């Protein structure tokens, strides 16, 4: 029988860290803060985590400073404060903490807590990427792809995406696949694109899952396989990818490789439409107009068609005029109220 008692040993670890932390040891304060932050060995307590991490950070420990920055950023254990988050990320980043360098780069990229600057974002991403942080390498590749902070450079973007992808970073794998798919900085290859989409999709990246589904549907780099296409598009759709949701709706509505199911098609069109996907809004409007998969409803048909038309969908604009000609003023007013409610719910 194992004489060790996990509960007793866990508590003893807590006691050791607590005693050392109270005596001012910054590493013990950091470890104690992490225990409270993660709920390891003791009950999670964000306020106590913040207090101990702050004491460690004030003594100059970069790891603690970075964690303190994330607590300010997310509002855990303290009120959310982007300026304080950037302040602590900078302290840690200047000490060479790679995670903090990436975090500070994100602050500059998004203009949170600091003035927005693509140039400074790229500079901090570069420092973290040079230290081997895969996610920073992906961010650096994206900056070179879109010319954010530096001129566009497909070759550099590809090099950083490859570094990230080879470390198993799903975003890097997806971006490397897109580079092969579009021939950006590399000879175009559907086969290579498919291989890297598979890697990213297997890790749960919804964009890679959607692209993999499209590849199977269209036979890009692989023989067409509607069932696999449907399976991967379903995974992406479950992750709320609106393009995948619309693609699923289309497959189900037309019986493309799967059994036709108007009700399920309307469901997926609805999911995408709620996210502002204009083609899905148009398709959903059509289904309400015809009563396919949903009860026939001129008000909802006009509502979704109008929203699609506002987003620039030409066919929807044409259909709106046709549907409106068959509606009463009261119906049009009801549709307008539904549109207003949708806009208010999605104004952010």
Protein backbone atom coordinates (compact mmCIF):
# COMPACT_ATOMS: atom_id res chain seq x y z
CA UNK A 1 0.00 0.00 0.00
CA UNK A 2 1.30 3.46 -0.89
CA UNK A 3 1.83 5.28 2.42
CA UNK A 4 1.62 8.71 0.77
CA UNK A 5 -1.45 10.83 1.31
CA UNK A 6 -2.08 13.07 -1.75
CA UNK A 7 -4.38 15.40 0.18
CA UNK A 8 -1.89 15.82 3.01
CA UNK A 9 1.02 16.28 0.57
CA UNK A 10 -0.90 18.89 -1.43
CA UNK A 11 -1.69 20.82 1.71
CA UNK A 12 1.95 20.60 2.80
CA UNK A 13 3.06 22.14 -0.51
CA UNK A 14 0.62 24.97 0.09
CA UNK A 15 1.98 25.46 3.62
CA UNK A 16 5.56 25.62 2.35
CA UNK A 17 4.74 28.20 -0.29
CA UNK A 18 2.61 30.20 2.14
CA UNK A 19 5.35 30.36 4.77
CA UNK A 20 8.01 31.37 2.26
CA UNK A 21 5.69 33.87 0.59
CA UNK A 22 4.89 35.57 3.88
CA UNK A 23 8.63 35.89 4.48
CA UNK A 24 8.93 37.80 1.20
CA UNK A 25 10.23 35.17 -1.22
CA UNK A 26 9.05 36.33 -4.69
CA UNK A 27 9.14 32.84 -6.21
CA UNK A 28 7.01 31.46 -3.41
CA UNK A 29 4.62 34.39 -3.80
CA UNK A 30 4.39 33.65 -7.51
CA UNK A 31 3.75 29.93 -6.98
CA UNK A 32 1.20 30.64 -4.27
CA UNK A 33 -0.55 33.09 -6.59
CA UNK A 34 -0.64 30.47 -9.34
CA UNK A 35 -2.12 27.92 -6.96
CA UNK A 36 -4.96 30.31 -6.15
CA UNK A 37 -5.34 31.33 -9.82
CA UNK A 38 -5.58 27.76 -11.12
CA UNK A 39 -7.28 26.19 -8.13
CA UNK A 40 -4.47 23.66 -7.71
CA UNK A 41 -4.27 21.96 -4.29
CA UNK A 42 -6.49 24.71 -2.87
CA UNK A 43 -9.80 26.31 -3.79
CA UNK A 44 -9.53 28.80 -6.63
CA UNK A 45 -9.56 32.40 -5.44
CA UNK A 46 -8.82 35.11 -8.00
CA UNK A 47 -8.60 37.88 -5.41
CA UNK A 48 -5.91 36.07 -3.40
CA UNK A 49 -4.16 35.07 -6.61
CA UNK A 50 -4.02 38.71 -7.65
CA UNK A 51 -2.72 39.81 -4.24
CA UNK A 52 0.17 37.30 -4.20
CA UNK A 53 1.07 37.78 -7.84
CA UNK A 54 1.17 41.53 -7.31
CA UNK A 55 3.56 41.16 -4.36
CA UNK A 56 5.82 38.99 -6.50
CA UNK A 57 5.55 41.33 -9.48
CA UNK A 58 6.53 44.33 -7.37
CA UNK A 59 9.73 42.47 -6.51
CA UNK A 60 10.54 42.26 -10.23
CA UNK A 61 9.65 38.69 -11.11
CA UNK A 62 8.79 38.74 -14.83
CA UNK A 63 6.56 35.64 -14.72
CA UNK A 64 4.43 37.25 -12.03
CA UNK A 65 4.28 40.53 -13.92
CA UNK A 66 2.96 38.78 -17.02
CA UNK A 67 0.32 36.87 -15.03
CA UNK A 68 -0.65 40.08 -13.25
CA UNK A 69 -1.10 41.72 -16.65
CA UNK A 70 -3.46 38.94 -17.77
CA UNK A 71 -5.53 39.37 -14.60
CA UNK A 72 -5.92 43.08 -15.31
CA UNK A 73 -6.65 42.28 -18.97
CA UNK A 74 -9.39 39.76 -18.18
CA UNK A 75 -10.68 41.38 -15.00
CA UNK A 76 -9.97 38.36 -12.81
CA UNK A 77 -9.46 39.21 -9.15
CA UNK A 78 -9.41 42.90 -9.99
CA UNK A 79 -11.37 45.33 -12.12
CA UNK A 80 -10.51 45.08 -15.80
CA UNK A 81 -7.91 47.72 -16.68
CA UNK A 82 -6.18 47.67 -20.06
CA UNK A 83 -3.68 50.38 -19.12
CA UNK A 84 -2.52 48.42 -16.06
CA UNK A 85 -2.37 45.24 -18.15
CA UNK A 86 -0.11 46.94 -20.70
CA UNK A 87 2.00 48.41 -17.90
CA UNK A 88 2.79 44.99 -16.40
CA UNK A 89 3.19 43.28 -19.76
CA UNK A 90 5.80 45.90 -20.65
CA UNK A 91 7.74 45.34 -17.41
CA UNK A 92 7.88 41.60 -18.06
CA UNK A 93 8.53 41.99 -21.79
CA UNK A 94 11.52 44.27 -21.15
CA UNK A 95 12.96 41.51 -18.96
CA UNK A 96 12.70 39.11 -21.90
CA UNK A 97 9.54 37.21 -20.95
CA UNK A 98 8.36 35.83 -24.31
CA UNK A 99 4.71 35.44 -23.31
CA UNK A 100 4.58 39.03 -22.12
CA UNK A 101 6.20 40.20 -25.35
CA UNK A 102 3.44 38.53 -27.33
CA UNK A 103 0.78 39.93 -24.99
CA UNK A 104 2.16 43.45 -25.33
CA UNK A 105 2.22 43.01 -29.10
CA UNK A 106 -1.47 42.12 -29.01
CA UNK A 107 -2.19 45.25 -26.96
CA UNK A 108 -0.52 47.39 -29.63
CA UNK A 109 -2.25 45.46 -32.42
CA UNK A 110 -5.69 46.07 -30.92
CA UNK A 111 -5.02 49.47 -29.37
CA UNK A 112 -5.96 48.31 -25.87
CA UNK A 113 -4.27 50.17 -23.03
CA UNK A 114 -1.84 51.76 -25.50
CA UNK A 115 -2.11 53.73 -28.73
CA UNK A 116 -2.66 51.34 -31.63
CA UNK A 117 0.54 50.69 -33.55
CA UNK A 118 1.10 47.92 -36.07
CA UNK A 119 4.81 48.74 -36.10
CA UNK A 120 5.25 48.22 -32.36
CA UNK A 121 2.99 45.17 -32.43
CA UNK A 122 5.22 43.60 -35.05
CA UNK A 123 8.35 44.49 -33.06
CA UNK A 124 7.09 42.70 -29.95
CA UNK A 125 5.77 39.73 -31.93
CA UNK A 126 9.21 39.42 -33.49
CA UNK A 127 10.93 39.28 -30.09
CA UNK A 128 8.59 36.55 -28.87
CA UNK A 129 8.81 34.67 -32.17
CA UNK A 130 12.61 34.70 -32.00
CA UNK A 131 12.31 32.96 -28.64
CA UNK A 132 10.30 30.18 -30.28
CA UNK A 133 6.75 31.11 -29.25
CA UNK A 134 4.68 29.43 -31.96
CA UNK A 135 1.60 31.64 -31.56
CA UNK A 136 3.79 34.76 -31.89
CA UNK A 137 5.33 33.28 -35.04
CA UNK A 138 1.83 32.94 -36.49
CA UNK A 139 1.00 36.52 -35.56
CA UNK A 140 4.23 37.70 -37.15
CA UNK A 141 3.40 35.78 -40.31
CA UNK A 142 -0.03 37.42 -40.43
CA UNK A 143 1.57 40.85 -40.06
CA UNK A 144 3.84 40.20 -43.05
CA UNK A 145 0.91 38.75 -45.03
CA UNK A 146 -1.23 41.86 -44.62
CA UNK A 147 1.56 44.46 -44.46
CA UNK A 148 0.86 45.44 -40.86
CA UNK A 149 3.85 47.26 -39.39
CA UNK A 150 6.08 46.33 -42.32
CA UNK A 151 5.74 45.97 -46.11
CA UNK A 152 3.95 42.85 -47.30
CA UNK A 153 6.38 39.98 -47.67
CA UNK A 154 4.95 36.62 -48.67
CA UNK A 155 8.28 34.81 -48.29
CA UNK A 156 8.78 36.01 -44.70
CA UNK A 157 5.16 35.28 -43.87
CA UNK A 158 5.54 31.75 -45.20
CA UNK A 159 8.75 31.20 -43.22
CA UNK A 160 7.12 32.19 -39.94
CA UNK A 161 3.96 30.22 -40.64
CA UNK A 162 6.09 27.16 -41.32
CA UNK A 163 8.01 27.60 -38.05
CA UNK A 164 4.74 27.84 -36.12
CA UNK A 165 3.13 24.96 -38.02
CA UNK A 166 6.05 22.63 -37.36
CA UNK A 167 5.66 23.35 -33.64
CA UNK A 168 2.03 22.24 -33.84
CA UNK A 169 0.38 25.66 -33.76
CA UNK A 170 -3.07 25.25 -35.34
CA UNK A 171 -3.24 28.85 -36.58
CA UNK A 172 0.17 28.50 -38.21
CA UNK A 173 -0.90 25.24 -39.83
CA UNK A 174 -4.06 26.81 -41.21
CA UNK A 175 -2.21 29.87 -42.52
CA UNK A 176 0.47 27.69 -44.11
CA UNK A 177 -2.31 25.72 -45.80
CA UNK A 178 -3.86 28.93 -47.12
CA UNK A 179 -0.47 30.00 -48.50
CA UNK A 180 -0.22 26.72 -50.43
CA UNK A 181 -3.85 26.98 -51.53
CA UNK A 182 -3.37 30.49 -52.93
CA UNK A 183 0.27 30.19 -54.03
CA UNK A 184 1.45 32.97 -51.73
CA UNK A 185 5.25 32.81 -51.39
CA UNK A 186 5.23 29.18 -52.51
CA UNK A 187 4.23 27.10 -55.53
CA UNK A 188 0.47 26.54 -55.39
CA UNK A 189 -0.40 23.03 -54.23
CA UNK A 190 -3.84 21.76 -53.27
CA UNK A 191 -2.23 18.59 -51.92
CA UNK A 192 0.05 20.47 -49.51
CA UNK A 193 -2.83 22.77 -48.55
CA UNK A 194 -4.98 19.74 -47.74
CA UNK A 195 -2.24 18.18 -45.60
CA UNK A 196 -1.85 21.30 -43.46
CA UNK A 197 -5.60 21.91 -43.23
CA UNK A 198 -5.85 18.39 -41.83
CA UNK A 199 -3.30 19.19 -39.12
CA UNK A 200 -5.11 22.36 -38.08
CA UNK A 201 -8.54 20.77 -38.29
CA UNK A 202 -7.47 17.85 -36.11
CA UNK A 203 -6.55 20.39 -33.40
CA UNK A 204 -10.00 21.97 -33.53
CA UNK A 205 -9.30 25.08 -35.60
CA UNK A 206 -12.74 25.89 -37.10
CA UNK A 207 -11.37 27.73 -40.14
CA UNK A 208 -9.16 24.77 -40.99
CA UNK A 209 -12.11 22.43 -40.47
CA UNK A 210 -14.22 24.50 -42.84
CA UNK A 211 -11.49 24.63 -45.48
CA UNK A 212 -10.98 20.89 -45.16
CA UNK A 213 -14.70 20.35 -45.63
CA UNK A 214 -14.68 22.54 -48.74
CA UNK A 215 -11.67 20.65 -50.11
CA UNK A 216 -13.52 17.34 -49.75
CA UNK A 217 -16.68 18.85 -51.26
CA UNK A 218 -14.88 20.27 -54.31
CA UNK A 219 -12.19 17.60 -54.66
CA UNK A 220 -9.28 19.98 -54.08
CA UNK A 221 -6.13 17.92 -53.48
CA UNK A 222 -8.23 14.83 -52.79
CA UNK A 223 -11.02 12.82 -54.40
CA UNK A 224 -14.45 14.36 -53.73
CA UNK A 225 -16.03 12.91 -50.61
CA UNK A 226 -19.38 14.49 -49.65
CA UNK A 227 -19.64 12.57 -46.37
CA UNK A 228 -16.25 13.77 -45.16
CA UNK A 229 -17.09 17.26 -46.41
CA UNK A 230 -20.28 17.24 -44.37
CA UNK A 231 -18.48 15.87 -41.29
CA UNK A 232 -15.79 18.57 -41.29
CA UNK A 233 -18.19 21.38 -42.12
CA UNK A 234 -20.36 20.18 -39.23
CA UNK A 235 -17.42 20.46 -36.82
CA UNK A 236 -16.66 23.99 -37.99
CA UNK A 237 -20.35 24.92 -37.81
CA UNK A 238 -20.55 23.65 -34.23
CA UNK A 239 -17.70 26.08 -33.47
CA UNK A 240 -19.98 28.85 -34.80
CA UNK A 241 -18.18 29.35 -38.12
CA UNK A 242 -20.86 31.13 -40.14
CA UNK A 243 -19.43 30.24 -43.56
CA UNK A 244 -19.48 26.55 -42.60
CA UNK A 245 -23.02 26.91 -41.29
CA UNK A 246 -24.17 28.39 -44.59
CA UNK A 247 -22.34 25.69 -46.56
CA UNK A 248 -24.06 23.02 -44.46
CA UNK A 249 -27.42 24.63 -45.10
CA UNK A 250 -26.74 24.56 -48.83
CA UNK A 251 -25.75 20.87 -48.80
CA UNK A 252 -28.86 19.92 -46.85
CA UNK A 253 -31.22 22.09 -48.88
CA UNK A 254 -30.05 20.61 -52.18
CA UNK A 255 -29.20 17.09 -51.01
CA UNK A 256 -25.57 17.48 -52.05
CA UNK A 257 -23.94 14.25 -50.86
CA UNK A 258 -26.35 13.98 -47.94
CA UNK A 259 -30.06 13.32 -47.56
CA UNK A 260 -32.09 16.45 -48.24
CA UNK A 261 -33.43 17.95 -45.03
CA UNK A 262 -35.11 21.35 -45.34
CA UNK A 263 -35.68 21.73 -41.60
CA UNK A 264 -32.01 21.14 -40.79
CA UNK A 265 -30.99 23.36 -43.70
CA UNK A 266 -33.12 26.17 -42.27
CA UNK A 267 -31.55 25.59 -38.87
CA UNK A 268 -28.01 26.09 -40.18
CA UNK A 269 -28.99 28.98 -42.43
CA UNK A 270 -30.56 30.52 -39.33
CA UNK A 271 -27.38 30.13 -37.30
CA UNK A 272 -25.34 31.88 -40.00
CA UNK A 273 -28.02 34.50 -40.64
CA UNK A 274 -28.06 35.50 -36.98
CA UNK A 275 -24.34 36.25 -37.32
CA UNK A 276 -24.96 38.61 -40.24
CA UNK A 277 -24.04 36.23 -43.08
CA UNK A 278 -25.82 37.84 -46.05
CA UNK A 279 -26.07 34.77 -48.34
CA UNK A 280 -27.52 32.76 -45.42
CA UNK A 281 -29.98 35.57 -44.67
CA UNK A 282 -31.08 35.49 -48.30
CA UNK A 283 -31.47 31.70 -48.28
CA UNK A 284 -33.39 31.78 -45.01
CA UNK A 285 -35.65 34.48 -46.45
CA UNK A 286 -36.33 32.22 -49.42
CA UNK A 287 -37.22 29.31 -47.13
CA UNK A 288 -39.69 31.43 -45.16
CA UNK A 289 -41.16 32.68 -48.44
CA UNK A 290 -41.73 29.14 -49.72
CA UNK A 291 -42.39 27.44 -46.40
CA UNK A 292 -39.48 25.02 -46.86
CA UNK A 293 -38.29 23.58 -43.55
CA UNK A 294 -40.05 26.40 -41.68
CA UNK A 295 -43.66 27.65 -41.64
CA UNK A 296 -44.41 30.02 -44.50
CA UNK A 297 -44.03 33.54 -43.11
CA UNK A 298 -43.96 36.63 -45.31
CA UNK A 299 -42.91 38.89 -42.42
CA UNK A 300 -39.82 36.85 -41.57
CA UNK A 301 -39.06 36.32 -45.24
CA UNK A 302 -39.10 40.08 -45.87
CA UNK A 303 -37.05 40.71 -42.71
CA UNK A 304 -34.21 38.36 -43.69
CA UNK A 305 -34.27 39.41 -47.33
CA UNK A 306 -34.06 43.06 -46.31
CA UNK A 307 -31.12 42.45 -43.99
CA UNK A 308 -29.31 40.59 -46.77
CA UNK A 309 -30.10 43.43 -49.19
CA UNK A 310 -28.68 45.99 -46.74
CA UNK A 311 -25.47 43.94 -46.71
CA UNK A 312 -25.24 44.27 -50.49
CA UNK A 313 -26.85 41.03 -51.67
CA UNK A 314 -28.29 41.94 -55.09
CA UNK A 315 -30.70 39.00 -55.45
CA UNK A 316 -32.12 39.75 -52.01
CA UNK A 317 -32.79 43.37 -52.97
CA UNK A 318 -34.73 42.22 -56.03
CA UNK A 319 -36.74 39.67 -54.05
CA UNK A 320 -37.56 42.22 -51.35
CA UNK A 321 -39.45 44.34 -53.85
CA UNK A 322 -41.40 41.31 -55.08
CA UNK A 323 -42.31 40.15 -51.57
CA UNK A 324 -43.21 43.66 -50.42
CA UNK A 325 -45.72 43.94 -53.24
CA UNK A 326 -47.71 41.07 -51.70
CA UNK A 327 -47.59 42.33 -48.10
CA UNK A 328 -49.93 44.57 -46.13
CA UNK A 329 -48.58 47.76 -44.51
CA UNK A 330 -49.03 46.06 -41.12
CA UNK A 331 -46.86 43.13 -42.26
CA UNK A 332 -44.13 45.46 -43.48
CA UNK A 333 -44.24 47.35 -40.18
CA UNK A 334 -43.92 44.05 -38.26
CA UNK A 335 -40.93 43.07 -40.40
CA UNK A 336 -39.35 46.47 -39.77
CA UNK A 337 -39.71 45.94 -36.00
CA UNK A 338 -38.00 42.55 -36.28
CA UNK A 339 -35.17 44.12 -38.27
CA UNK A 340 -34.73 46.83 -35.66
CA UNK A 341 -34.60 44.23 -32.90
CA UNK A 342 -31.97 42.29 -34.84
CA UNK A 343 -29.85 45.41 -35.41
CA UNK A 344 -30.01 46.36 -31.74
CA UNK A 345 -28.99 42.86 -30.72
CA UNK A 346 -26.04 42.93 -33.13
CA UNK A 347 -24.94 46.54 -32.94
CA UNK A 348 -21.58 45.59 -31.42
